[in-house]
Amino acid sequence: MIKIVLNIIFFSLVSSFVHSSEEKDNEVISMKLIAQNCNGCHGWDAKGIENMYSITKLNYEEFIKKMNYYKKENTNSVMKRILTVFTDEDIIRLADFYYKNEDSE
């Protein structure tokens, strides 16, 4: 009986670890896809193209603040239309992708 219980616990832990790992992988893939959409205006290196703003000129906190401004306050903006579907958590995840993730380049 103890062996069965230990096996159940073991497989539950392994399953949750694998699921957690898959979720993290999917999150990174999702952020890469979102960032690719940003690249259309901000360039593949995020330094901006033509008259578009460079993401690299902002630090992590400024990026989040700017995205929230575009989402909540700037009513006449392409960025507002883009960010309408983003949650606050999505904005933080995108900032994490650009500023904390080595795979973002």
PDB file of N, CA and C in Angstrom:
ATOM      1  N   MET A   1       0.824  -1.199   0.000  1.00  0.00           N
ATOM      2  CA  MET A   1       0.000   0.000   0.000  1.00  0.00           C
ATOM      3  C   MET A   1       0.869   1.264   0.000  1.00  0.00           C
ATOM      4  N   ILE A   2       1.896   1.282   0.835  1.00  0.00           N
ATOM      5  CA  ILE A   2       2.790   2.439   0.900  1.00  0.00           C
ATOM      6  C   ILE A   2       3.489   2.628  -0.444  1.00  0.00           C
ATOM      7  N   LYS A   3       3.869   1.517  -1.068  1.00  0.00           N
ATOM      8  CA  LYS A   3       4.536   1.592  -2.365  1.00  0.00           C
ATOM      9  C   LYS A   3       3.619   2.238  -3.407  1.00  0.00           C
ATOM     10  N   ILE A   4       2.349   1.900  -3.384  1.00  0.00           N
ATOM     11  CA  ILE A   4       1.386   2.478  -4.323  1.00  0.00           C
ATOM     12  C   ILE A   4       1.251   3.979  -4.085  1.00  0.00           C
ATOM     13  N   VAL A   5       1.123   4.368  -2.826  1.00  0.00           N
ATOM     14  CA  VAL A   5       0.991   5.787  -2.476  1.00  0.00           C
ATOM     15  C   VAL A   5       2.244   6.555  -2.898  1.00  0.00           C
ATOM     16  N   LEU A   6       3.418   5.994  -2.631  1.00  0.00           N
ATOM     17  CA  LEU A   6       4.664   6.649  -3.032  1.00  0.00           C
ATOM     18  C   LEU A   6       4.765   6.784  -4.555  1.00  0.00           C
ATOM     19  N   ASN A   7       4.342   5.756  -5.280  1.00  0.00           N
ATOM     20  CA  ASN A   7       4.339   5.833  -6.743  1.00  0.00           C
ATOM     21  C   ASN A   7       3.396   6.929  -7.240  1.00  0.00           C
ATOM     22  N   ILE A   8       2.228   7.024  -6.633  1.00  0.00           N
ATOM     23  CA  ILE A   8       1.270   8.068  -7.017  1.00  0.00           C
ATOM     24  C   ILE A   8       1.871   9.448  -6.767  1.00  0.00           C
ATOM     25  N   ILE A   9       2.480   9.625  -5.603  1.00  0.00           N
ATOM     26  CA  ILE A   9       3.108  10.910  -5.275  1.00  0.00           C
ATOM     27  C   ILE A   9       4.234  11.214  -6.262  1.00  0.00           C
ATOM     28  N   PHE A  10       5.067  10.221  -6.528  1.00  0.00           N
ATOM     29  CA  PHE A  10       6.186  10.411  -7.453  1.00  0.00           C
ATOM     30  C   PHE A  10       5.695  10.825  -8.839  1.00  0.00           C
ATOM     31  N   PHE A  11       4.729  10.083  -9.375  1.00  0.00           N
ATOM     32  CA  PHE A  11       4.234  10.397 -10.720  1.00  0.00           C
ATOM     33  C   PHE A  11       3.491  11.731 -10.761  1.00  0.00           C
ATOM     34  N   SER A  12       2.845  12.089  -9.675  1.00  0.00           N
ATOM     35  CA  SER A  12       2.186  13.399  -9.608  1.00  0.00           C
ATOM     36  C   SER A  12       3.214  14.518  -9.665  1.00  0.00           C
ATOM     37  N   LEU A  13       4.305  14.356  -8.923  1.00  0.00           N
ATOM     38  CA  LEU A  13       5.358  15.370  -8.925  1.00  0.00           C
ATOM     39  C   LEU A  13       6.023  15.476 -10.289  1.00  0.00           C
ATOM     40  N   VAL A  14       6.328  14.338 -10.886  1.00  0.00           N
ATOM     41  CA  VAL A  14       6.954  14.338 -12.207  1.00  0.00           C
ATOM     42  C   VAL A  14       6.014  14.968 -13.226  1.00  0.00           C
ATOM     43  N   SER A  15       4.748  14.607 -13.158  1.00  0.00           N
ATOM     44  CA  SER A  15       3.765  15.150 -14.085  1.00  0.00           C
ATOM     45  C   SER A  15       3.641  16.659 -13.945  1.00  0.00           C
ATOM     46  N   SER A  16       3.604  17.159 -12.713  1.00  0.00           N
ATOM     47  CA  SER A  16       3.479  18.608 -12.521  1.00  0.00           C
ATOM     48  C   SER A  16       4.739  19.326 -12.984  1.00  0.00           C
ATOM     49  N   PHE A  17       5.902  18.709 -12.806  1.00  0.00           N
ATOM     50  CA  PHE A  17       7.145  19.318 -13.275  1.00  0.00           C
ATOM     51  C   PHE A  17       7.158  19.394 -14.796  1.00  0.00           C
ATOM     52  N   VAL A  18       6.786  18.315 -15.453  1.00  0.00           N
ATOM     53  CA  VAL A  18       6.765  18.287 -16.914  1.00  0.00           C
ATOM     54  C   VAL A  18       5.751  19.296 -17.427  1.00  0.00           C
ATOM     55  N   HIS A  19       4.565  19.331 -16.808  1.00  0.00           N
ATOM     56  CA  HIS A  19       3.533  20.279 -17.226  1.00  0.00           C
ATOM     57  C   HIS A  19       4.027  21.706 -17.044  1.00  0.00           C
ATOM     58  N   SER A  20       4.661  21.977 -15.917  1.00  0.00           N
ATOM     59  CA  SER A  20       5.192  23.310 -15.642  1.00  0.00           C
ATOM     60  C   SER A  20       6.253  23.685 -16.670  1.00  0.00           C
ATOM     61  N   SER A  21       7.106  22.755 -17.003  1.00  0.00           N
ATOM     62  CA  SER A  21       8.155  22.994 -17.986  1.00  0.00           C
ATOM     63  C   SER A  21       7.552  23.275 -19.364  1.00  0.00           C
ATOM     64  N   GLU A  22       6.526  22.512 -19.737  1.00  0.00           N
ATOM     65  CA  GLU A  22       5.858  22.726 -21.022  1.00  0.00           C
ATOM     66  C   GLU A  22       5.179  24.088 -21.058  1.00  0.00           C
ATOM     67  N   GLU A  23       4.541  24.488 -19.951  1.00  0.00           N
ATOM     68  CA  GLU A  23       3.901  25.802 -19.889  1.00  0.00           C
ATOM     69  C   GLU A  23       4.926  26.903 -20.096  1.00  0.00           C
ATOM     70  N   LYS A  24       6.086  26.773 -19.444  1.00  0.00           N
ATOM     71  CA  LYS A  24       7.137  27.786 -19.582  1.00  0.00           C
ATOM     72  C   LYS A  24       7.624  27.846 -21.028  1.00  0.00           C
ATOM     73  N   ASP A  25       7.813  26.683 -21.662  1.00  0.00           N
ATOM     74  CA  ASP A  25       8.229  26.652 -23.065  1.00  0.00           C
ATOM     75  C   ASP A  25       7.192  27.329 -23.955  1.00  0.00           C
ATOM     76  N   ASN A  26       5.908  27.035 -23.712  1.00  0.00           N
ATOM     77  CA  ASN A  26       4.839  27.646 -24.500  1.00  0.00           C
ATOM     78  C   ASN A  26       4.790  29.148 -24.282  1.00  0.00           C
ATOM     79  N   GLU A  27       5.044  29.584 -23.044  1.00  0.00           N
ATOM     80  CA  GLU A  27       5.058  31.013 -22.738  1.00  0.00           C
ATOM     81  C   GLU A  27       6.175  31.715 -23.508  1.00  0.00           C
ATOM     82  N   VAL A  28       7.352  31.104 -23.562  1.00  0.00           N
ATOM     83  CA  VAL A  28       8.479  31.692 -24.295  1.00  0.00           C
ATOM     84  C   VAL A  28       8.155  31.751 -25.781  1.00  0.00           C
ATOM     85  N   ILE A  29       7.577  30.671 -26.320  1.00  0.00           N
ATOM     86  CA  ILE A  29       7.195  30.658 -27.729  1.00  0.00           C
ATOM     87  C   ILE A  29       6.169  31.747 -27.992  1.00  0.00           C
ATOM     88  N   SER A  30       5.182  31.867 -27.124  1.00  0.00           N
ATOM     89  CA  SER A  30       4.149  32.884 -27.263  1.00  0.00           C
ATOM     90  C   SER A  30       4.756  34.283 -27.264  1.00  0.00           C
ATOM     91  N   MET A  31       5.675  34.557 -26.357  1.00  0.00           N
ATOM     92  CA  MET A  31       6.311  35.871 -26.296  1.00  0.00           C
ATOM     93  C   MET A  31       7.170  36.122 -27.536  1.00  0.00           C
ATOM     94  N   LYS A  32       7.797  35.076 -28.058  1.00  0.00           N
ATOM     95  CA  LYS A  32       8.577  35.241 -29.291  1.00  0.00           C
ATOM     96  C   LYS A  32       7.659  35.650 -30.440  1.00  0.00           C
ATOM     97  N   LEU A  33       6.482  35.033 -30.522  1.00  0.00           N
ATOM     98  CA  LEU A  33       5.536  35.381 -31.578  1.00  0.00           C
ATOM     99  C   LEU A  33       5.039  36.810 -31.421  1.00  0.00           C
ATOM    100  N   ILE A  34       4.740  37.208 -30.202  1.00  0.00           N
ATOM    101  CA  ILE A  34       4.294  38.577 -29.949  1.00  0.00           C
ATOM    102  C   ILE A  34       5.407  39.553 -30.304  1.00  0.00           C
ATOM    103  N   ALA A  35       6.622  39.252 -29.885  1.00  0.00           N
ATOM    104  CA  ALA A  35       7.761  40.128 -30.173  1.00  0.00           C
ATOM    105  C   ALA A  35       7.999  40.237 -31.678  1.00  0.00           C
ATOM    106  N   GLN A  36       7.756  39.160 -32.415  1.00  0.00           N
ATOM    107  CA  GLN A  36       7.903  39.227 -33.869  1.00  0.00           C
ATOM    108  C   GLN A  36       6.938  40.247 -34.464  1.00  0.00           C
ATOM    109  N   ASN A  37       5.751  40.373 -33.881  1.00  0.00           N
ATOM    110  CA  ASN A  37       4.808  41.393 -34.334  1.00  0.00           C
ATOM    111  C   ASN A  37       5.332  42.789 -34.027  1.00  0.00           C
ATOM    112  N   CYS A  38       6.004  42.954 -32.912  1.00  0.00           N
ATOM    113  CA  CYS A  38       6.599  44.250 -32.551  1.00  0.00           C
ATOM    114  C   CYS A  38       7.681  44.628 -33.555  1.00  0.00           C
ATOM    115  N   ASN A  39       8.367  43.611 -34.064  1.00  0.00           N
ATOM    116  CA  ASN A  39       9.480  43.837 -34.987  1.00  0.00           C
ATOM    117  C   ASN A  39       9.057  44.559 -36.259  1.00  0.00           C
ATOM    118  N   GLY A  40       7.801  44.405 -36.648  1.00  0.00           N
ATOM    119  CA  GLY A  40       7.322  45.056 -37.855  1.00  0.00           C
ATOM    120  C   GLY A  40       7.525  46.563 -37.824  1.00  0.00           C
ATOM    121  N   CYS A  41       7.346  47.163 -36.658  1.00  0.00           N
ATOM    122  CA  CYS A  41       7.522  48.617 -36.521  1.00  0.00           C
ATOM    123  C   CYS A  41       8.823  48.990 -35.821  1.00  0.00           C
ATOM    124  N   HIS A  42       9.249  48.159 -34.902  1.00  0.00           N
ATOM    125  CA  HIS A  42      10.400  48.516 -34.066  1.00  0.00           C
ATOM    126  C   HIS A  42      11.697  47.855 -34.513  1.00  0.00           C
ATOM    127  N   GLY A  43      11.639  47.078 -35.590  1.00  0.00           N
ATOM    128  CA  GLY A  43      12.838  46.453 -36.140  1.00  0.00           C
ATOM    129  C   GLY A  43      13.198  45.153 -35.441  1.00  0.00           C
ATOM    130  N   TRP A  44      13.941  44.309 -36.154  1.00  0.00           N
ATOM    131  CA  TRP A  44      14.326  42.998 -35.615  1.00  0.00           C
ATOM    132  C   TRP A  44      15.258  43.126 -34.421  1.00  0.00           C
ATOM    133  N   ASP A  45      15.977  44.219 -34.343  1.00  0.00           N
ATOM    134  CA  ASP A  45      16.866  44.430 -33.201  1.00  0.00           C
ATOM    135  C   ASP A  45      16.226  45.335 -32.150  1.00  0.00           C
ATOM    136  N   ALA A  46      14.956  45.691 -32.340  1.00  0.00           N
ATOM    137  CA  ALA A  46      14.176  46.537 -31.420  1.00  0.00           C
ATOM    138  C   ALA A  46      14.735  47.957 -31.315  1.00  0.00           C
ATOM    139  N   LYS A  47      15.571  48.349 -32.267  1.00  0.00           N
ATOM    140  CA  LYS A  47      16.167  49.689 -32.231  1.00  0.00           C
ATOM    141  C   LYS A  47      15.345  50.709 -33.014  1.00  0.00           C
ATOM    142  N   GLY A  48      14.212  50.270 -33.535  1.00  0.00           N
ATOM    143  CA  GLY A  48      13.341  51.180 -34.265  1.00  0.00           C
ATOM    144  C   GLY A  48      13.698  51.246 -35.741  1.00  0.00           C
ATOM    145  N   ILE A  49      12.698  51.538 -36.553  1.00  0.00           N
ATOM    146  CA  ILE A  49      12.921  51.743 -37.981  1.00  0.00           C
ATOM    147  C   ILE A  49      12.205  53.018 -38.401  1.00  0.00           C
ATOM    148  N   GLU A  50      12.813  53.755 -39.302  1.00  0.00           N
ATOM    149  CA  GLU A  50      12.292  55.034 -39.778  1.00  0.00           C
ATOM    150  C   GLU A  50      11.880  55.908 -38.596  1.00  0.00           C
ATOM    151  N   ASN A  51      10.608  56.228 -38.465  1.00  0.00           N
ATOM    152  CA  ASN A  51      10.163  57.122 -37.390  1.00  0.00           C
ATOM    153  C   ASN A  51       9.615  56.381 -36.169  1.00  0.00           C
ATOM    154  N   MET A  52       9.858  55.100 -36.081  1.00  0.00           N
ATOM    155  CA  MET A  52       9.350  54.314 -34.953  1.00  0.00           C
ATOM    156  C   MET A  52      10.349  54.302 -33.808  1.00  0.00           C
ATOM    157  N   TYR A  53       9.809  54.255 -32.606  1.00  0.00           N
ATOM    158  CA  TYR A  53      10.603  54.357 -31.393  1.00  0.00           C
ATOM    159  C   TYR A  53      11.438  53.105 -31.145  1.00  0.00           C
ATOM    160  N   SER A  54      12.617  53.296 -30.616  1.00  0.00           N
ATOM    161  CA  SER A  54      13.497  52.190 -30.247  1.00  0.00           C
ATOM    162  C   SER A  54      13.116  51.644 -28.877  1.00  0.00           C
ATOM    163  N   ILE A  55      12.811  50.373 -28.821  1.00  0.00           N
ATOM    164  CA  ILE A  55      12.510  49.719 -27.542  1.00  0.00           C
ATOM    165  C   ILE A  55      13.766  49.676 -26.678  1.00  0.00           C
ATOM    166  N   THR A  56      14.927  49.588 -27.306  1.00  0.00           N
ATOM    167  CA  THR A  56      16.178  49.446 -26.554  1.00  0.00           C
ATOM    168  C   THR A  56      16.561  50.705 -25.778  1.00  0.00           C
ATOM    169  N   LYS A  57      15.928  51.833 -26.076  1.00  0.00           N
ATOM    170  CA  LYS A  57      16.224  53.058 -25.329  1.00  0.00           C
ATOM    171  C   LYS A  57      15.524  53.101 -23.975  1.00  0.00           C
ATOM    172  N   LEU A  58      14.602  52.190 -23.761  1.00  0.00           N
ATOM    173  CA  LEU A  58      13.876  52.122 -22.490  1.00  0.00           C
ATOM    174  C   LEU A  58      14.509  51.072 -21.596  1.00  0.00           C
ATOM    175  N   ASN A  59      14.448  51.295 -20.276  1.00  0.00           N
ATOM    176  CA  ASN A  59      14.822  50.215 -19.369  1.00  0.00           C
ATOM    177  C   ASN A  59      13.557  49.418 -19.040  1.00  0.00           C
ATOM    178  N   TYR A  60      13.699  48.374 -18.272  1.00  0.00           N
ATOM    179  CA  TYR A  60      12.603  47.457 -17.948  1.00  0.00           C
ATOM    180  C   TYR A  60      11.389  48.196 -17.386  1.00  0.00           C
ATOM    181  N   GLU A  61      11.615  49.017 -16.367  1.00  0.00           N
ATOM    182  CA  GLU A  61      10.514  49.721 -15.711  1.00  0.00           C
ATOM    183  C   GLU A  61       9.863  50.731 -16.651  1.00  0.00           C
ATOM    184  N   GLU A  62      10.677  51.431 -17.431  1.00  0.00           N
ATOM    185  CA  GLU A  62      10.140  52.408 -18.388  1.00  0.00           C
ATOM    186  C   GLU A  62       9.284  51.721 -19.452  1.00  0.00           C
ATOM    187  N   PHE A  63       9.719  50.548 -19.886  1.00  0.00           N
ATOM    188  CA  PHE A  63       8.964  49.790 -20.884  1.00  0.00           C
ATOM    189  C   PHE A  63       7.572  49.473 -20.356  1.00  0.00           C
ATOM    190  N   ILE A  64       7.503  48.940 -19.133  1.00  0.00           N
ATOM    191  CA  ILE A  64       6.207  48.589 -18.540  1.00  0.00           C
ATOM    192  C   ILE A  64       5.343  49.837 -18.378  1.00  0.00           C
ATOM    193  N   LYS A  65       5.934  50.901 -17.874  1.00  0.00           N
ATOM    194  CA  LYS A  65       5.197  52.153 -17.679  1.00  0.00           C
ATOM    195  C   LYS A  65       4.666  52.678 -19.020  1.00  0.00           C
ATOM    196  N   LYS A  66       5.490  52.654 -20.043  1.00  0.00           N
ATOM    197  CA  LYS A  66       5.103  53.143 -21.369  1.00  0.00           C
ATOM    198  C   LYS A  66       3.985  52.281 -21.962  1.00  0.00           C
ATOM    199  N   MET A  67       4.099  50.961 -21.831  1.00  0.00           N
ATOM    200  CA  MET A  67       3.063  50.076 -22.369  1.00  0.00           C
ATOM    201  C   MET A  67       1.727  50.306 -21.661  1.00  0.00           C
ATOM    202  N   ASN A  68       1.782  50.477 -20.340  1.00  0.00           N
ATOM    203  CA  ASN A  68       0.550  50.750 -19.590  1.00  0.00           C
ATOM    204  C   ASN A  68      -0.044  52.099 -19.978  1.00  0.00           C
ATOM    205  N   TYR A  69       0.796  53.083 -20.228  1.00  0.00           N
ATOM    206  CA  TYR A  69       0.314  54.389 -20.688  1.00  0.00           C
ATOM    207  C   TYR A  69      -0.405  54.231 -22.031  1.00  0.00           C
ATOM    208  N   TYR A  70       0.228  53.535 -22.968  1.00  0.00           N
ATOM    209  CA  TYR A  70      -0.399  53.339 -24.273  1.00  0.00           C
ATOM    210  C   TYR A  70      -1.719  52.585 -24.145  1.00  0.00           C
ATOM    211  N   LYS A  71      -1.740  51.594 -23.282  1.00  0.00           N
ATOM    212  CA  LYS A  71      -2.942  50.770 -23.119  1.00  0.00           C
ATOM    213  C   LYS A  71      -4.083  51.546 -22.463  1.00  0.00           C
ATOM    214  N   LYS A  72      -3.778  52.319 -21.428  1.00  0.00           N
ATOM    215  CA  LYS A  72      -4.838  52.890 -20.592  1.00  0.00           C
ATOM    216  C   LYS A  72      -5.119  54.369 -20.835  1.00  0.00           C
ATOM    217  N   GLU A  73      -4.142  55.129 -21.328  1.00  0.00           N
ATOM    218  CA  GLU A  73      -4.325  56.574 -21.370  1.00  0.00           C
ATOM    219  C   GLU A  73      -4.256  57.183 -22.760  1.00  0.00           C
ATOM    220  N   ASN A  74      -3.423  56.693 -23.609  1.00  0.00           N
ATOM    221  CA  ASN A  74      -3.234  57.297 -24.925  1.00  0.00           C
ATOM    222  C   ASN A  74      -4.334  56.798 -25.861  1.00  0.00           C
ATOM    223  N   THR A  75      -5.343  57.634 -26.105  1.00  0.00           N
ATOM    224  CA  THR A  75      -6.517  57.180 -26.853  1.00  0.00           C
ATOM    225  C   THR A  75      -6.346  57.216 -28.368  1.00  0.00           C
ATOM    226  N   ASN A  76      -5.364  57.935 -28.862  1.00  0.00           N
ATOM    227  CA  ASN A  76      -5.182  58.054 -30.303  1.00  0.00           C
ATOM    228  C   ASN A  76      -3.851  57.419 -30.699  1.00  0.00           C
ATOM    229  N   SER A  77      -3.757  56.129 -30.560  1.00  0.00           N
ATOM    230  CA  SER A  77      -2.477  55.472 -30.752  1.00  0.00           C
ATOM    231  C   SER A  77      -2.653  54.083 -31.356  1.00  0.00           C
ATOM    232  N   VAL A  78      -1.774  53.750 -32.273  1.00  0.00           N
ATOM    233  CA  VAL A  78      -1.733  52.389 -32.799  1.00  0.00           C
ATOM    234  C   VAL A  78      -1.425  51.431 -31.656  1.00  0.00           C
ATOM    235  N   MET A  79      -0.526  51.850 -30.770  1.00  0.00           N
ATOM    236  CA  MET A  79      -0.156  50.996 -29.634  1.00  0.00           C
ATOM    237  C   MET A  79      -1.363  50.715 -28.744  1.00  0.00           C
ATOM    238  N   LYS A  80      -2.243  51.661 -28.560  1.00  0.00           N
ATOM    239  CA  LYS A  80      -3.451  51.429 -27.754  1.00  0.00           C
ATOM    240  C   LYS A  80      -4.267  50.306 -28.379  1.00  0.00           C
ATOM    241  N   ARG A  81      -4.438  50.360 -29.684  1.00  0.00           N
ATOM    242  CA  ARG A  81      -5.209  49.308 -30.360  1.00  0.00           C
ATOM    243  C   ARG A  81      -4.517  47.950 -30.232  1.00  0.00           C
ATOM    244  N   ILE A  82      -3.206  47.944 -30.300  1.00  0.00           N
ATOM    245  CA  ILE A  82      -2.460  46.688 -30.163  1.00  0.00           C
ATOM    246  C   ILE A  82      -2.569  46.154 -28.742  1.00  0.00           C
ATOM    247  N   LEU A  83      -2.415  47.042 -27.764  1.00  0.00           N
ATOM    248  CA  LEU A  83      -2.355  46.620 -26.358  1.00  0.00           C
ATOM    249  C   LEU A  83      -3.721  46.385 -25.722  1.00  0.00           C
ATOM    250  N   THR A  84      -4.803  46.679 -26.419  1.00  0.00           N
ATOM    251  CA  THR A  84      -6.142  46.490 -25.863  1.00  0.00           C
ATOM    252  C   THR A  84      -6.347  45.070 -25.355  1.00  0.00           C
ATOM    253  N   VAL A  85      -5.811  44.095 -26.050  1.00  0.00           N
ATOM    254  CA  VAL A  85      -6.012  42.696 -25.669  1.00  0.00           C
ATOM    255  C   VAL A  85      -5.008  42.201 -24.630  1.00  0.00           C
ATOM    256  N   PHE A  86      -3.998  43.007 -24.313  1.00  0.00           N
ATOM    257  CA  PHE A  86      -2.975  42.607 -23.351  1.00  0.00           C
ATOM    258  C   PHE A  86      -3.475  42.818 -21.925  1.00  0.00           C
ATOM    259  N   THR A  87      -3.193  41.861 -21.064  1.00  0.00           N
ATOM    260  CA  THR A  87      -3.417  42.054 -19.633  1.00  0.00           C
ATOM    261  C   THR A  87      -2.164  42.708 -19.053  1.00  0.00           C
ATOM    262  N   ASP A  88      -2.264  43.171 -17.809  1.00  0.00           N
ATOM    263  CA  ASP A  88      -1.075  43.714 -17.143  1.00  0.00           C
ATOM    264  C   ASP A  88       0.022  42.655 -17.069  1.00  0.00           C
ATOM    265  N   GLU A  89      -0.395  41.414 -16.844  1.00  0.00           N
ATOM    266  CA  GLU A  89       0.571  40.304 -16.782  1.00  0.00           C
ATOM    267  C   GLU A  89       1.248  40.091 -18.140  1.00  0.00           C
ATOM    268  N   ASP A  90       0.492  40.219 -19.217  1.00  0.00           N
ATOM    269  CA  ASP A  90       1.076  40.081 -20.558  1.00  0.00           C
ATOM    270  C   ASP A  90       2.157  41.129 -20.795  1.00  0.00           C
ATOM    271  N   ILE A  91       1.898  42.356 -20.352  1.00  0.00           N
ATOM    272  CA  ILE A  91       2.874  43.434 -20.524  1.00  0.00           C
ATOM    273  C   ILE A  91       4.148  43.118 -19.750  1.00  0.00           C
ATOM    274  N   ILE A  92       3.993  42.610 -18.539  1.00  0.00           N
ATOM    275  CA  ILE A  92       5.163  42.236 -17.732  1.00  0.00           C
ATOM    276  C   ILE A  92       5.913  41.084 -18.393  1.00  0.00           C
ATOM    277  N   ARG A  93       5.183  40.106 -18.911  1.00  0.00           N
ATOM    278  CA  ARG A  93       5.830  38.975 -19.590  1.00  0.00           C
ATOM    279  C   ARG A  93       6.593  39.435 -20.830  1.00  0.00           C
ATOM    280  N   LEU A  94       6.034  40.404 -21.553  1.00  0.00           N
ATOM    281  CA  LEU A  94       6.732  40.928 -22.722  1.00  0.00           C
ATOM    282  C   LEU A  94       7.988  41.691 -22.301  1.00  0.00           C
ATOM    283  N   ALA A  95       7.880  42.452 -21.222  1.00  0.00           N
ATOM    284  CA  ALA A  95       9.064  43.152 -20.689  1.00  0.00           C
ATOM    285  C   ALA A  95      10.116  42.137 -20.255  1.00  0.00           C
ATOM    286  N   ASP A  96       9.682  41.079 -19.585  1.00  0.00           N
ATOM    287  CA  ASP A  96      10.615  40.021 -19.187  1.00  0.00           C
ATOM    288  C   ASP A  96      11.304  39.438 -20.418  1.00  0.00           C
ATOM    289  N   PHE A  97      10.540  39.234 -21.470  1.00  0.00           N
ATOM    290  CA  PHE A  97      11.111  38.674 -22.692  1.00  0.00           C
ATOM    291  C   PHE A  97      12.187  39.592 -23.264  1.00  0.00           C
ATOM    292  N   TYR A  98      11.886  40.867 -23.362  1.00  0.00           N
ATOM    293  CA  TYR A  98      12.846  41.807 -23.955  1.00  0.00           C
ATOM    294  C   TYR A  98      14.047  42.093 -23.061  1.00  0.00           C
ATOM    295  N   TYR A  99      13.835  42.147 -21.750  1.00  0.00           N
ATOM    296  CA  TYR A  99      14.899  42.636 -20.871  1.00  0.00           C
ATOM    297  C   TYR A  99      15.549  41.571 -19.996  1.00  0.00           C
ATOM    298  N   LYS A 100      14.925  40.404 -19.865  1.00  0.00           N
ATOM    299  CA  LYS A 100      15.485  39.388 -18.967  1.00  0.00           C
ATOM    300  C   LYS A 100      15.763  38.062 -19.655  1.00  0.00           C
ATOM    301  N   ASN A 101      15.363  37.912 -20.895  1.00  0.00           N
ATOM    302  CA  ASN A 101      15.461  36.631 -21.581  1.00  0.00           C
ATOM    303  C   ASN A 101      16.597  36.670 -22.592  1.00  0.00           C
ATOM    304  N   GLU A 102      17.553  35.773 -22.438  1.00  0.00           N
ATOM    305  CA  GLU A 102      18.690  35.713 -23.364  1.00  0.00           C
ATOM    306  C   GLU A 102      18.265  35.266 -24.753  1.00  0.00           C
ATOM    307  N   ASP A 103      17.109  34.573 -24.856  1.00  0.00           N
ATOM    308  CA  ASP A 103      16.647  34.085 -26.153  1.00  0.00           C
ATOM    309  C   ASP A 103      15.967  35.168 -26.975  1.00  0.00           C
ATOM    310  N   SER A 104      15.831  36.371 -26.430  1.00  0.00           N
ATOM    311  CA  SER A 104      15.092  37.404 -27.145  1.00  0.00           C
ATOM    312  C   SER A 104      15.864  37.961 -28.331  1.00  0.00           C
ATOM    313  N   GLU A 105      17.158  37.713 -28.401  1.00  0.00           N
ATOM    314  CA  GLU A 105      17.950  38.254 -29.514  1.00  0.00           C
ATOM    315  C   GLU A 105      18.150  37.237 -30.598  1.00  0.00           C
TER     316      GLU A 105
END
